Amino acid sequence: MSIYLIVVLVSVTIAAFSQILLKKAASKSYSSVLREYVNPYVIGGYGLLFLSLFLTMFSYRGLDFTSVP
């Protein structure tokens, strides 16, 4: 198993956790519009999405574009 395949699997797992964080943030009600977008769930969720993006881009170095979802 190549390191690139492991990286893409970790990237998909991180993306799934980020979606869970964003869903938890969306299910809460907030007192202001600013608090809806600036809270730990949203910031953490988008941070994990960006990490997943860069890990997926890194994995494209060693894998074919057609084999990576």
N, C-alpha and C. Protein backbone atom coordinates (compact mmCIF):
# COMPACT_ATOMS: atom_id res chain seq x y z
N MET A 1 0.86 -1.18 0.00
CA MET A 1 0.00 0.00 0.00
C MET A 1 0.90 1.24 0.00
N SER A 2 0.66 2.13 -0.91
CA SER A 2 1.52 3.31 -1.02
C SER A 2 1.12 4.37 0.01
N ILE A 3 2.04 5.25 0.27
CA ILE A 3 1.79 6.34 1.22
C ILE A 3 0.71 7.27 0.70
N TYR A 4 0.61 7.41 -0.61
CA TYR A 4 -0.39 8.30 -1.20
C TYR A 4 -1.81 7.77 -0.99
N LEU A 5 -1.96 6.47 -1.03
CA LEU A 5 -3.27 5.89 -0.77
C LEU A 5 -3.68 6.07 0.69
N ILE A 6 -2.73 5.93 1.59
CA ILE A 6 -3.01 6.16 3.01
C ILE A 6 -3.39 7.62 3.24
N VAL A 7 -2.69 8.53 2.59
CA VAL A 7 -2.98 9.96 2.75
C VAL A 7 -4.38 10.29 2.25
N VAL A 8 -4.80 9.70 1.12
CA VAL A 8 -6.13 10.00 0.62
C VAL A 8 -7.21 9.40 1.53
N LEU A 9 -6.95 8.26 2.13
CA LEU A 9 -7.91 7.69 3.08
C LEU A 9 -8.03 8.56 4.34
N VAL A 10 -6.92 9.07 4.82
CA VAL A 10 -6.94 9.99 5.97
C VAL A 10 -7.68 11.28 5.59
N SER A 11 -7.46 11.75 4.38
CA SER A 11 -8.12 12.96 3.92
C SER A 11 -9.64 12.80 3.88
N VAL A 12 -10.11 11.66 3.41
CA VAL A 12 -11.55 11.42 3.36
C VAL A 12 -12.13 11.34 4.78
N THR A 13 -11.39 10.72 5.68
CA THR A 13 -11.84 10.63 7.08
C THR A 13 -11.91 12.02 7.72
N ILE A 14 -10.92 12.85 7.46
CA ILE A 14 -10.92 14.21 8.00
C ILE A 14 -12.09 15.01 7.42
N ALA A 15 -12.37 14.84 6.15
CA ALA A 15 -13.50 15.54 5.53
C ALA A 15 -14.83 15.11 6.16
N ALA A 16 -14.95 13.83 6.49
CA ALA A 16 -16.17 13.36 7.14
C ALA A 16 -16.34 13.98 8.52
N PHE A 17 -15.26 14.06 9.29
CA PHE A 17 -15.35 14.70 10.61
C PHE A 17 -15.67 16.18 10.49
N SER A 18 -15.14 16.83 9.46
CA SER A 18 -15.45 18.26 9.30
C SER A 18 -16.92 18.46 8.98
N GLN A 19 -17.51 17.56 8.20
CA GLN A 19 -18.94 17.66 7.90
C GLN A 19 -19.78 17.45 9.16
N ILE A 20 -19.33 16.57 10.03
CA ILE A 20 -20.04 16.36 11.30
C ILE A 20 -19.99 17.63 12.15
N LEU A 21 -18.82 18.26 12.22
CA LEU A 21 -18.71 19.51 12.99
C LEU A 21 -19.61 20.60 12.41
N LEU A 22 -19.63 20.73 11.10
CA LEU A 22 -20.47 21.75 10.48
C LEU A 22 -21.95 21.45 10.69
N LYS A 23 -22.32 20.19 10.70
CA LYS A 23 -23.72 19.82 10.95
C LYS A 23 -24.12 20.14 12.39
N LYS A 24 -23.20 19.89 13.34
CA LYS A 24 -23.48 20.24 14.73
C LYS A 24 -23.66 21.75 14.88
N ALA A 25 -22.85 22.52 14.16
CA ALA A 25 -22.97 23.98 14.23
C ALA A 25 -24.28 24.45 13.62
N ALA A 26 -24.74 23.79 12.57
CA ALA A 26 -25.97 24.20 11.90
C ALA A 26 -27.21 23.86 12.72
N SER A 27 -27.11 22.86 13.58
CA SER A 27 -28.28 22.45 14.35
C SER A 27 -28.53 23.32 15.58
N LYS A 28 -27.57 24.15 15.95
CA LYS A 28 -27.73 25.03 17.10
C LYS A 28 -28.34 26.36 16.67
N SER A 29 -28.95 27.03 17.62
CA SER A 29 -29.44 28.39 17.35
C SER A 29 -28.55 29.38 18.08
N TYR A 30 -28.29 30.49 17.44
CA TYR A 30 -27.35 31.48 17.97
C TYR A 30 -28.06 32.81 18.15
N SER A 31 -27.47 33.64 18.99
CA SER A 31 -28.09 34.92 19.33
C SER A 31 -27.86 35.99 18.26
N SER A 32 -26.82 35.83 17.46
CA SER A 32 -26.56 36.82 16.41
C SER A 32 -26.03 36.10 15.17
N VAL A 33 -26.04 36.83 14.06
CA VAL A 33 -25.55 36.27 12.80
C VAL A 33 -24.04 36.04 12.88
N LEU A 34 -23.34 36.92 13.55
CA LEU A 34 -21.89 36.77 13.67
C LEU A 34 -21.52 35.50 14.43
N ARG A 35 -22.27 35.19 15.48
CA ARG A 35 -21.99 33.98 16.26
C ARG A 35 -22.28 32.70 15.47
N GLU A 36 -23.11 32.79 14.46
CA GLU A 36 -23.38 31.63 13.62
C GLU A 36 -22.15 31.21 12.83
N TYR A 37 -21.34 32.18 12.44
CA TYR A 37 -20.20 31.90 11.59
C TYR A 37 -18.87 31.91 12.33
N VAL A 38 -18.83 32.52 13.48
CA VAL A 38 -17.59 32.58 14.26
C VAL A 38 -17.81 31.83 15.55
N ASN A 39 -17.67 30.52 15.48
CA ASN A 39 -17.72 29.68 16.66
C ASN A 39 -16.79 28.50 16.42
N PRO A 40 -16.42 27.78 17.47
CA PRO A 40 -15.42 26.72 17.31
C PRO A 40 -15.81 25.61 16.34
N TYR A 41 -17.10 25.27 16.27
CA TYR A 41 -17.52 24.21 15.35
C TYR A 41 -17.31 24.61 13.89
N VAL A 42 -17.69 25.82 13.55
CA VAL A 42 -17.57 26.28 12.16
C VAL A 42 -16.11 26.48 11.80
N ILE A 43 -15.35 27.12 12.65
CA ILE A 43 -13.94 27.35 12.36
C ILE A 43 -13.19 26.02 12.28
N GLY A 44 -13.46 25.11 13.20
CA GLY A 44 -12.83 23.80 13.15
C GLY A 44 -13.24 23.00 11.94
N GLY A 45 -14.52 23.06 11.58
CA GLY A 45 -15.01 22.33 10.42
C GLY A 45 -14.37 22.81 9.13
N TYR A 46 -14.32 24.12 8.94
CA TYR A 46 -13.70 24.64 7.72
C TYR A 46 -12.19 24.44 7.73
N GLY A 47 -11.58 24.51 8.90
CA GLY A 47 -10.15 24.22 8.99
C GLY A 47 -9.83 22.79 8.59
N LEU A 48 -10.66 21.85 9.04
CA LEU A 48 -10.47 20.46 8.65
C LEU A 48 -10.74 20.24 7.17
N LEU A 49 -11.69 20.97 6.61
CA LEU A 49 -11.94 20.86 5.17
C LEU A 49 -10.74 21.34 4.35
N PHE A 50 -10.12 22.43 4.77
CA PHE A 50 -8.93 22.90 4.07
C PHE A 50 -7.78 21.92 4.22
N LEU A 51 -7.62 21.33 5.40
CA LEU A 51 -6.59 20.31 5.59
C LEU A 51 -6.84 19.12 4.68
N SER A 52 -8.09 18.71 4.57
CA SER A 52 -8.46 17.61 3.68
C SER A 52 -8.16 17.97 2.23
N LEU A 53 -8.42 19.19 1.84
CA LEU A 53 -8.14 19.64 0.48
C LEU A 53 -6.66 19.51 0.16
N PHE A 54 -5.80 19.98 1.06
CA PHE A 54 -4.37 19.93 0.80
C PHE A 54 -3.83 18.50 0.83
N LEU A 55 -4.38 17.66 1.70
CA LEU A 55 -3.96 16.27 1.71
C LEU A 55 -4.37 15.55 0.43
N THR A 56 -5.55 15.85 -0.08
CA THR A 56 -5.99 15.24 -1.33
C THR A 56 -5.12 15.72 -2.49
N MET A 57 -4.78 17.00 -2.51
CA MET A 57 -3.91 17.51 -3.56
C MET A 57 -2.54 16.85 -3.49
N PHE A 58 -2.04 16.61 -2.28
CA PHE A 58 -0.76 15.92 -2.12
C PHE A 58 -0.84 14.49 -2.64
N SER A 59 -1.95 13.82 -2.40
CA SER A 59 -2.08 12.43 -2.82
C SER A 59 -2.17 12.30 -4.33
N TYR A 60 -2.56 13.36 -5.04
CA TYR A 60 -2.61 13.31 -6.50
C TYR A 60 -1.21 13.19 -7.12
N ARG A 61 -0.17 13.46 -6.35
CA ARG A 61 1.19 13.32 -6.88
C ARG A 61 1.52 11.88 -7.21
N GLY A 62 0.99 10.95 -6.41
CA GLY A 62 1.35 9.56 -6.60
C GLY A 62 0.24 8.68 -7.13
N LEU A 63 -0.99 9.21 -7.22
CA LEU A 63 -2.13 8.40 -7.67
C LEU A 63 -2.71 9.01 -8.95
N ASP A 64 -3.37 8.17 -9.73
CA ASP A 64 -4.06 8.66 -10.92
C ASP A 64 -5.30 9.45 -10.52
N PHE A 65 -5.62 10.44 -11.32
CA PHE A 65 -6.80 11.25 -11.04
C PHE A 65 -8.08 10.43 -11.10
N THR A 66 -8.10 9.40 -11.92
CA THR A 66 -9.30 8.59 -12.07
C THR A 66 -9.51 7.63 -10.91
N SER A 67 -8.45 7.36 -10.15
CA SER A 67 -8.60 6.40 -9.04
C SER A 67 -8.90 7.06 -7.70
N VAL A 68 -8.81 8.39 -7.64
CA VAL A 68 -9.07 9.11 -6.38
C VAL A 68 -10.46 9.73 -6.46
N PRO A 69 -11.33 9.43 -5.50
CA PRO A 69 -12.68 10.00 -5.55
C PRO A 69 -12.68 11.50 -5.29
